[in-house]
């Protein structure tokens, strides 16, 4: 992601959330901007004349993200595709880009969390070789499952 892509990337994130009936708060939008630009984060975008998808990968942490950084682990904290571009291979391409970069960097494992009720996301993750683990947690009013892929 280039610096000039930041606002378009945030707009994709907001549009994807709105399409799922989840209007983000001003505080959450501010936090997403911070995460996209923090040192050590790898943000990528998909473009078709404009930004249509985004993904953010960060160094992974032990204890489901609450512990210290774990060597060899990369955590995908965001994958969003503009509603008009969903189910066209954009999410798959973004994940494949992260896997390739992680593999080149010597990363052994990529993880992410998703809502157990988010069937389209689970199908996407499984289509690129990620598998659900036994790890679950409750966040807000939702149950989340951790997915992983060994590289």
N, C-alpha and C. Protein backbone atom coordinates (compact mmCIF):
# COMPACT_ATOMS: atom_id res chain seq x y z
N UNK A 1 0.84 -1.17 0.00
CA UNK A 1 0.00 0.00 0.00
C UNK A 1 0.88 1.23 0.00
N UNK A 2 0.61 2.12 -0.89
CA UNK A 2 1.30 3.41 -0.93
C UNK A 2 0.58 4.38 0.00
N UNK A 3 1.30 5.40 0.47
CA UNK A 3 0.71 6.39 1.35
C UNK A 3 -0.54 7.02 0.79
N UNK A 4 -0.52 7.27 -0.51
CA UNK A 4 -1.68 7.90 -1.13
C UNK A 4 -2.90 6.97 -1.22
N UNK A 5 -2.70 5.67 -0.92
CA UNK A 5 -3.80 4.71 -0.94
C UNK A 5 -4.56 4.64 0.38
N UNK A 6 -4.05 5.30 1.41
CA UNK A 6 -4.61 5.13 2.76
C UNK A 6 -6.12 5.42 2.80
N UNK A 7 -6.54 6.56 2.33
CA UNK A 7 -7.96 6.90 2.44
C UNK A 7 -8.83 5.99 1.59
N UNK A 8 -8.36 5.60 0.41
CA UNK A 8 -9.12 4.67 -0.43
C UNK A 8 -9.20 3.30 0.23
N UNK A 9 -8.13 2.90 0.92
CA UNK A 9 -8.12 1.63 1.62
C UNK A 9 -9.11 1.65 2.78
N UNK A 10 -9.11 2.72 3.54
CA UNK A 10 -10.07 2.87 4.64
C UNK A 10 -11.49 2.89 4.09
N UNK A 11 -11.70 3.50 2.95
CA UNK A 11 -13.03 3.55 2.34
C UNK A 11 -13.52 2.15 1.97
N UNK A 12 -12.62 1.29 1.46
CA UNK A 12 -13.00 -0.09 1.16
C UNK A 12 -13.40 -0.80 2.44
N UNK A 13 -12.61 -0.63 3.49
CA UNK A 13 -12.91 -1.25 4.78
C UNK A 13 -14.29 -0.80 5.28
N UNK A 14 -14.56 0.50 5.20
CA UNK A 14 -15.84 1.03 5.66
C UNK A 14 -17.00 0.49 4.81
N UNK A 15 -16.82 0.44 3.49
CA UNK A 15 -17.88 -0.05 2.60
C UNK A 15 -18.19 -1.52 2.86
N UNK A 16 -17.17 -2.32 3.06
CA UNK A 16 -17.38 -3.75 3.33
C UNK A 16 -18.10 -3.95 4.66
N UNK A 17 -17.74 -3.17 5.66
CA UNK A 17 -18.43 -3.27 6.95
C UNK A 17 -19.88 -2.80 6.83
N UNK A 18 -20.11 -1.71 6.13
CA UNK A 18 -21.47 -1.20 5.95
C UNK A 18 -22.35 -2.22 5.23
N UNK A 19 -21.78 -2.92 4.26
CA UNK A 19 -22.54 -3.93 3.52
C UNK A 19 -22.97 -5.08 4.42
N UNK A 20 -22.23 -5.30 5.51
CA UNK A 20 -22.59 -6.35 6.48
C UNK A 20 -23.43 -5.79 7.62
N UNK A 21 -23.84 -4.52 7.48
CA UNK A 21 -24.67 -3.92 8.51
C UNK A 21 -23.91 -3.47 9.74
N UNK A 22 -22.61 -3.24 9.60
CA UNK A 22 -21.78 -2.85 10.73
C UNK A 22 -21.15 -1.49 10.44
N UNK A 23 -21.79 -0.44 10.91
CA UNK A 23 -21.25 0.90 10.72
C UNK A 23 -20.18 1.17 11.77
N UNK A 24 -18.94 1.38 11.33
CA UNK A 24 -17.86 1.58 12.31
C UNK A 24 -17.93 2.95 12.98
N UNK A 25 -17.47 2.99 14.21
CA UNK A 25 -17.41 4.24 14.96
C UNK A 25 -16.22 5.06 14.49
N UNK A 26 -16.22 6.34 14.83
CA UNK A 26 -15.10 7.22 14.51
C UNK A 26 -13.82 6.67 15.15
N UNK A 27 -13.93 6.17 16.37
CA UNK A 27 -12.77 5.62 17.06
C UNK A 27 -12.21 4.40 16.33
N UNK A 28 -13.09 3.55 15.82
CA UNK A 28 -12.64 2.35 15.10
C UNK A 28 -11.96 2.75 13.78
N UNK A 29 -12.50 3.72 13.09
CA UNK A 29 -11.89 4.20 11.84
C UNK A 29 -10.49 4.74 12.13
N UNK A 30 -10.36 5.50 13.19
CA UNK A 30 -9.06 6.04 13.59
C UNK A 30 -8.09 4.91 13.89
N UNK A 31 -8.55 3.87 14.58
CA UNK A 31 -7.69 2.73 14.92
C UNK A 31 -7.25 1.98 13.66
N UNK A 32 -8.13 1.84 12.69
CA UNK A 32 -7.77 1.16 11.45
C UNK A 32 -6.70 1.96 10.71
N UNK A 33 -6.85 3.28 10.65
CA UNK A 33 -5.81 4.11 10.01
C UNK A 33 -4.47 3.90 10.70
N UNK A 34 -4.47 3.87 12.03
CA UNK A 34 -3.24 3.66 12.79
C UNK A 34 -2.62 2.31 12.47
N UNK A 35 -3.43 1.26 12.46
CA UNK A 35 -2.93 -0.09 12.20
C UNK A 35 -2.33 -0.20 10.80
N UNK A 36 -2.96 0.45 9.82
CA UNK A 36 -2.47 0.37 8.44
C UNK A 36 -1.11 1.03 8.26
N UNK A 37 -0.76 1.94 9.15
CA UNK A 37 0.49 2.68 8.99
C UNK A 37 1.52 2.39 10.08
N UNK A 38 1.24 1.44 10.94
CA UNK A 38 2.18 1.16 12.03
C UNK A 38 3.42 0.43 11.52
N UNK A 39 4.56 0.68 12.15
CA UNK A 39 5.79 -0.02 11.76
C UNK A 39 5.63 -1.54 11.91
N UNK A 40 6.16 -2.27 10.97
CA UNK A 40 6.09 -3.73 11.03
C UNK A 40 4.86 -4.31 10.37
N UNK A 41 3.87 -3.47 10.06
CA UNK A 41 2.66 -3.94 9.40
C UNK A 41 2.88 -3.99 7.89
N UNK A 42 2.28 -4.97 7.26
CA UNK A 42 2.34 -5.10 5.80
C UNK A 42 0.93 -4.96 5.26
N UNK A 43 0.66 -3.83 4.65
CA UNK A 43 -0.66 -3.57 4.07
C UNK A 43 -0.54 -3.64 2.55
N UNK A 44 -1.47 -4.35 1.94
CA UNK A 44 -1.50 -4.49 0.48
C UNK A 44 -2.89 -4.11 0.00
N UNK A 45 -2.96 -3.61 -1.22
CA UNK A 45 -4.25 -3.29 -1.83
C UNK A 45 -4.36 -4.00 -3.18
N UNK A 46 -5.61 -4.22 -3.58
CA UNK A 46 -5.91 -4.70 -4.92
C UNK A 46 -6.55 -3.53 -5.65
N UNK A 47 -6.13 -3.32 -6.88
CA UNK A 47 -6.65 -2.19 -7.65
C UNK A 47 -7.16 -2.63 -9.01
N UNK A 48 -8.24 -2.03 -9.39
CA UNK A 48 -8.78 -2.11 -10.75
C UNK A 48 -9.24 -0.70 -11.07
N UNK A 49 -8.30 0.14 -11.41
CA UNK A 49 -8.51 1.57 -11.65
C UNK A 49 -8.79 2.34 -10.36
N UNK A 50 -9.06 1.64 -9.29
CA UNK A 50 -9.21 2.22 -7.95
C UNK A 50 -8.98 1.09 -6.95
N UNK A 51 -8.80 1.41 -5.70
CA UNK A 51 -8.60 0.39 -4.67
C UNK A 51 -9.92 -0.34 -4.46
N UNK A 52 -9.88 -1.68 -4.60
CA UNK A 52 -11.08 -2.50 -4.42
C UNK A 52 -10.93 -3.53 -3.31
N UNK A 53 -9.72 -3.68 -2.79
CA UNK A 53 -9.51 -4.65 -1.72
C UNK A 53 -8.30 -4.28 -0.91
N UNK A 54 -8.25 -4.79 0.34
CA UNK A 54 -7.13 -4.50 1.20
C UNK A 54 -6.91 -5.67 2.16
N UNK A 55 -5.64 -5.80 2.57
CA UNK A 55 -5.28 -6.82 3.55
C UNK A 55 -4.17 -6.24 4.42
N UNK A 56 -4.20 -6.59 5.68
CA UNK A 56 -3.17 -6.13 6.62
C UNK A 56 -2.62 -7.34 7.35
N UNK A 57 -1.31 -7.51 7.30
CA UNK A 57 -0.63 -8.57 8.02
C UNK A 57 0.36 -7.94 9.00
N UNK A 58 0.43 -8.53 10.19
CA UNK A 58 1.27 -7.99 11.25
C UNK A 58 2.07 -9.12 11.90
N UNK A 59 3.16 -8.79 12.55
CA UNK A 59 3.88 -9.83 13.29
C UNK A 59 2.91 -10.52 14.27
N UNK A 60 2.99 -11.83 14.35
CA UNK A 60 2.07 -12.59 15.19
C UNK A 60 2.53 -12.65 16.64
N UNK A 61 1.56 -12.80 17.53
CA UNK A 61 1.82 -12.88 18.96
C UNK A 61 1.31 -14.20 19.53
N UNK A 62 1.95 -14.65 20.58
CA UNK A 62 1.53 -15.85 21.28
C UNK A 62 0.22 -15.58 22.02
N UNK A 63 -0.37 -16.63 22.53
CA UNK A 63 -1.57 -16.54 23.36
C UNK A 63 -2.69 -15.77 22.67
N UNK A 64 -2.98 -16.19 21.43
CA UNK A 64 -4.07 -15.60 20.64
C UNK A 64 -3.98 -14.08 20.52
N UNK A 65 -2.73 -13.58 20.40
CA UNK A 65 -2.52 -12.16 20.20
C UNK A 65 -2.31 -11.37 21.47
N UNK A 66 -2.41 -12.01 22.61
CA UNK A 66 -2.24 -11.30 23.88
C UNK A 66 -0.83 -11.44 24.45
N UNK A 67 -0.04 -12.32 23.88
CA UNK A 67 1.30 -12.58 24.41
C UNK A 67 2.38 -11.88 23.61
N UNK A 68 3.63 -12.29 23.87
CA UNK A 68 4.76 -11.67 23.16
C UNK A 68 4.79 -12.07 21.68
N UNK A 69 5.49 -11.26 20.89
CA UNK A 69 5.65 -11.58 19.47
C UNK A 69 6.28 -12.97 19.34
N UNK A 70 5.85 -13.69 18.32
CA UNK A 70 6.31 -15.05 18.09
C UNK A 70 7.06 -15.10 16.77
N UNK A 71 8.32 -15.46 16.81
CA UNK A 71 9.11 -15.58 15.58
C UNK A 71 8.47 -16.62 14.67
N UNK A 72 8.42 -16.32 13.38
CA UNK A 72 7.90 -17.26 12.41
C UNK A 72 6.39 -17.25 12.26
N UNK A 73 5.71 -16.31 12.94
CA UNK A 73 4.26 -16.22 12.85
C UNK A 73 3.85 -14.86 12.28
N UNK A 74 2.99 -14.89 11.29
CA UNK A 74 2.42 -13.67 10.71
C UNK A 74 0.92 -13.74 10.92
N UNK A 75 0.34 -12.64 11.37
CA UNK A 75 -1.09 -12.61 11.64
C UNK A 75 -1.79 -11.65 10.68
N UNK A 76 -2.80 -12.14 10.00
CA UNK A 76 -3.61 -11.30 9.11
C UNK A 76 -4.74 -10.72 9.96
N UNK A 77 -4.72 -9.41 10.13
CA UNK A 77 -5.72 -8.81 11.00
C UNK A 77 -6.88 -8.18 10.24
N UNK A 78 -6.74 -8.00 8.93
CA UNK A 78 -7.84 -7.45 8.12
C UNK A 78 -7.77 -7.98 6.70
N UNK A 79 -8.91 -8.38 6.19
CA UNK A 79 -9.09 -8.71 4.77
C UNK A 79 -10.45 -8.15 4.39
N UNK A 80 -10.48 -7.17 3.51
CA UNK A 80 -11.75 -6.57 3.09
C UNK A 80 -11.72 -6.30 1.60
N UNK A 81 -12.84 -6.57 0.96
CA UNK A 81 -13.01 -6.32 -0.47
C UNK A 81 -14.28 -5.49 -0.63
N UNK A 82 -14.21 -4.48 -1.50
CA UNK A 82 -15.38 -3.65 -1.75
C UNK A 82 -16.54 -4.54 -2.18
N UNK A 83 -17.75 -4.29 -1.68
CA UNK A 83 -18.89 -5.16 -2.01
C UNK A 83 -19.09 -5.40 -3.50
N UNK A 84 -18.85 -4.41 -4.34
CA UNK A 84 -19.02 -4.58 -5.78
C UNK A 84 -17.96 -5.45 -6.44
N UNK A 85 -16.91 -5.80 -5.69
CA UNK A 85 -15.83 -6.61 -6.24
C UNK A 85 -15.67 -7.95 -5.51
N UNK A 86 -16.59 -8.26 -4.62
CA UNK A 86 -16.50 -9.52 -3.89
C UNK A 86 -16.81 -10.70 -4.80
N UNK A 87 -16.26 -11.84 -4.43
CA UNK A 87 -16.43 -13.11 -5.14
C UNK A 87 -15.91 -13.05 -6.57
N UNK A 88 -14.81 -12.28 -6.74
CA UNK A 88 -14.15 -12.18 -8.04
C UNK A 88 -12.67 -12.53 -7.93
N UNK A 89 -12.27 -13.17 -6.84
CA UNK A 89 -10.88 -13.58 -6.67
C UNK A 89 -9.97 -12.55 -6.03
N UNK A 90 -10.52 -11.42 -5.62
CA UNK A 90 -9.69 -10.36 -5.04
C UNK A 90 -9.12 -10.78 -3.69
N UNK A 91 -9.96 -11.30 -2.81
CA UNK A 91 -9.50 -11.75 -1.50
C UNK A 91 -8.47 -12.85 -1.62
N UNK A 92 -8.69 -13.77 -2.53
CA UNK A 92 -7.74 -14.87 -2.78
C UNK A 92 -6.39 -14.31 -3.22
N UNK A 93 -6.40 -13.37 -4.15
CA UNK A 93 -5.15 -12.78 -4.64
C UNK A 93 -4.41 -12.05 -3.52
N UNK A 94 -5.14 -11.34 -2.68
CA UNK A 94 -4.50 -10.63 -1.57
C UNK A 94 -3.87 -11.62 -0.59
N UNK A 95 -4.59 -12.67 -0.25
CA UNK A 95 -4.03 -13.68 0.66
C UNK A 95 -2.81 -14.36 0.04
N UNK A 96 -2.88 -14.69 -1.24
CA UNK A 96 -1.73 -15.32 -1.90
C UNK A 96 -0.52 -14.41 -1.87
N UNK A 97 -0.73 -13.10 -2.03
CA UNK A 97 0.38 -12.14 -1.96
C UNK A 97 1.01 -12.15 -0.57
N UNK A 98 0.19 -12.19 0.46
CA UNK A 98 0.71 -12.26 1.83
C UNK A 98 1.48 -13.56 2.04
N UNK A 99 0.93 -14.68 1.59
CA UNK A 99 1.63 -15.96 1.76
C UNK A 99 2.99 -15.95 1.06
N UNK A 100 3.04 -15.41 -0.15
CA UNK A 100 4.30 -15.36 -0.89
C UNK A 100 5.33 -14.51 -0.16
N UNK A 101 4.93 -13.33 0.29
CA UNK A 101 5.85 -12.46 1.02
C UNK A 101 6.30 -13.08 2.33
N UNK A 102 5.38 -13.73 3.02
CA UNK A 102 5.73 -14.38 4.29
C UNK A 102 6.71 -15.52 4.06
N UNK A 103 6.46 -16.31 3.04
CA UNK A 103 7.36 -17.42 2.72
C UNK A 103 8.76 -16.92 2.39
N UNK A 104 8.84 -15.85 1.58
CA UNK A 104 10.13 -15.26 1.24
C UNK A 104 10.86 -14.75 2.47
N UNK A 105 10.11 -14.31 3.47
CA UNK A 105 10.70 -13.77 4.71
C UNK A 105 11.00 -14.85 5.74
N UNK A 106 10.75 -16.11 5.39
CA UNK A 106 11.03 -17.20 6.31
C UNK A 106 9.96 -17.43 7.36
N UNK A 107 8.78 -16.90 7.15
CA UNK A 107 7.66 -17.10 8.07
C UNK A 107 7.14 -18.53 7.88
N UNK A 108 6.86 -19.21 8.98
CA UNK A 108 6.41 -20.60 8.91
C UNK A 108 4.90 -20.76 9.01
N UNK A 109 4.22 -19.76 9.60
CA UNK A 109 2.79 -19.91 9.88
C UNK A 109 2.07 -18.57 9.73
N UNK A 110 0.92 -18.60 9.06
CA UNK A 110 0.07 -17.41 8.93
C UNK A 110 -1.25 -17.74 9.63
N UNK A 111 -1.73 -16.80 10.45
CA UNK A 111 -2.99 -17.00 11.17
C UNK A 111 -3.93 -15.83 10.96
N UNK A 112 -5.19 -16.05 11.27
CA UNK A 112 -6.19 -14.99 11.29
C UNK A 112 -7.38 -15.48 12.10
N UNK A 113 -8.21 -14.54 12.52
CA UNK A 113 -9.46 -14.84 13.23
C UNK A 113 -10.62 -14.40 12.36
N UNK A 114 -11.70 -15.17 12.38
CA UNK A 114 -12.93 -14.76 11.71
C UNK A 114 -14.13 -15.17 12.53
N UNK A 115 -15.21 -14.47 12.32
CA UNK A 115 -16.49 -14.76 12.96
C UNK A 115 -16.95 -16.14 12.48
N UNK A 116 -17.34 -17.00 13.41
CA UNK A 116 -17.78 -18.35 13.03
C UNK A 116 -19.00 -18.33 12.12
N UNK A 117 -19.75 -17.23 12.14
CA UNK A 117 -20.95 -17.12 11.30
C UNK A 117 -20.64 -16.56 9.91
N UNK A 118 -19.40 -16.15 9.65
CA UNK A 118 -19.05 -15.53 8.38
C UNK A 118 -18.68 -16.60 7.36
N UNK A 119 -19.69 -17.22 6.79
CA UNK A 119 -19.47 -18.33 5.85
C UNK A 119 -18.67 -17.94 4.61
N UNK A 120 -18.93 -16.77 3.99
CA UNK A 120 -18.11 -16.41 2.82
C UNK A 120 -16.62 -16.29 3.17
N UNK A 121 -16.30 -15.71 4.31
CA UNK A 121 -14.90 -15.58 4.71
C UNK A 121 -14.29 -16.95 4.96
N UNK A 122 -15.01 -17.81 5.64
CA UNK A 122 -14.47 -19.15 5.92
C UNK A 122 -14.22 -19.92 4.62
N UNK A 123 -15.13 -19.78 3.65
CA UNK A 123 -14.91 -20.44 2.35
C UNK A 123 -13.66 -19.89 1.66
N UNK A 124 -13.48 -18.57 1.72
CA UNK A 124 -12.29 -17.96 1.13
C UNK A 124 -11.03 -18.52 1.78
N UNK A 125 -10.97 -18.49 3.10
CA UNK A 125 -9.76 -18.93 3.80
C UNK A 125 -9.46 -20.40 3.51
N UNK A 126 -10.48 -21.22 3.50
CA UNK A 126 -10.27 -22.65 3.21
C UNK A 126 -9.85 -22.86 1.76
N UNK A 127 -10.31 -21.99 0.84
CA UNK A 127 -9.95 -22.15 -0.57
C UNK A 127 -8.47 -21.86 -0.82
N UNK A 128 -7.81 -21.12 0.08
CA UNK A 128 -6.39 -20.83 -0.08
C UNK A 128 -5.53 -21.66 0.86
N UNK A 129 -6.10 -22.72 1.40
CA UNK A 129 -5.32 -23.66 2.21
C UNK A 129 -5.26 -23.38 3.69
N UNK A 130 -6.05 -22.44 4.17
CA UNK A 130 -6.09 -22.20 5.61
C UNK A 130 -7.07 -23.19 6.22
N UNK A 131 -6.82 -23.55 7.47
CA UNK A 131 -7.68 -24.51 8.15
C UNK A 131 -8.09 -23.97 9.51
N UNK A 132 -9.34 -24.24 9.91
CA UNK A 132 -9.77 -23.81 11.23
C UNK A 132 -9.03 -24.60 12.30
N UNK A 133 -8.77 -23.95 13.41
CA UNK A 133 -8.14 -24.62 14.56
C UNK A 133 -9.21 -24.82 15.64
N UNK A 134 -8.79 -25.37 16.74
CA UNK A 134 -9.69 -25.53 17.88
C UNK A 134 -9.79 -24.26 18.71
N UNK A 135 -9.00 -23.25 18.38
CA UNK A 135 -8.99 -22.01 19.15
C UNK A 135 -10.23 -21.18 18.83
N UNK A 136 -10.93 -20.77 19.87
CA UNK A 136 -12.12 -19.94 19.75
C UNK A 136 -12.07 -18.87 20.83
N UNK A 137 -12.73 -17.76 20.59
CA UNK A 137 -12.92 -16.77 21.65
C UNK A 137 -14.17 -15.97 21.36
N UNK A 138 -14.75 -15.40 22.40
CA UNK A 138 -15.92 -14.56 22.27
C UNK A 138 -15.46 -13.12 22.26
N UNK A 139 -15.89 -12.38 21.25
CA UNK A 139 -15.58 -10.95 21.15
C UNK A 139 -16.85 -10.21 20.83
N UNK A 140 -17.25 -9.32 21.73
CA UNK A 140 -18.54 -8.66 21.55
C UNK A 140 -19.63 -9.70 21.68
N UNK A 141 -20.51 -9.75 20.71
CA UNK A 141 -21.59 -10.74 20.74
C UNK A 141 -21.34 -11.87 19.75
N UNK A 142 -20.08 -12.04 19.32
CA UNK A 142 -19.76 -13.05 18.30
C UNK A 142 -18.73 -14.05 18.79
N UNK A 143 -18.80 -15.23 18.20
CA UNK A 143 -17.81 -16.28 18.46
C UNK A 143 -16.83 -16.29 17.30
N UNK A 144 -15.55 -16.23 17.60
CA UNK A 144 -14.48 -16.17 16.60
C UNK A 144 -13.70 -17.47 16.58
N UNK A 145 -13.22 -17.85 15.41
CA UNK A 145 -12.39 -19.04 15.24
C UNK A 145 -11.08 -18.62 14.58
N UNK A 146 -10.00 -19.27 15.01
CA UNK A 146 -8.69 -18.98 14.42
C UNK A 146 -8.43 -19.95 13.28
N UNK A 147 -7.97 -19.39 12.16
CA UNK A 147 -7.54 -20.16 10.99
C UNK A 147 -6.03 -20.05 10.87
N UNK A 148 -5.39 -21.10 10.35
CA UNK A 148 -3.95 -21.09 10.16
C UNK A 148 -3.58 -21.77 8.85
N UNK A 149 -2.42 -21.36 8.33
CA UNK A 149 -1.82 -22.04 7.19
C UNK A 149 -0.32 -22.11 7.40
N UNK A 150 0.20 -23.32 7.33
CA UNK A 150 1.65 -23.51 7.40
C UNK A 150 2.23 -23.24 6.02
N UNK A 151 3.39 -22.58 6.00
CA UNK A 151 4.04 -22.25 4.73
C UNK A 151 5.24 -23.15 4.50
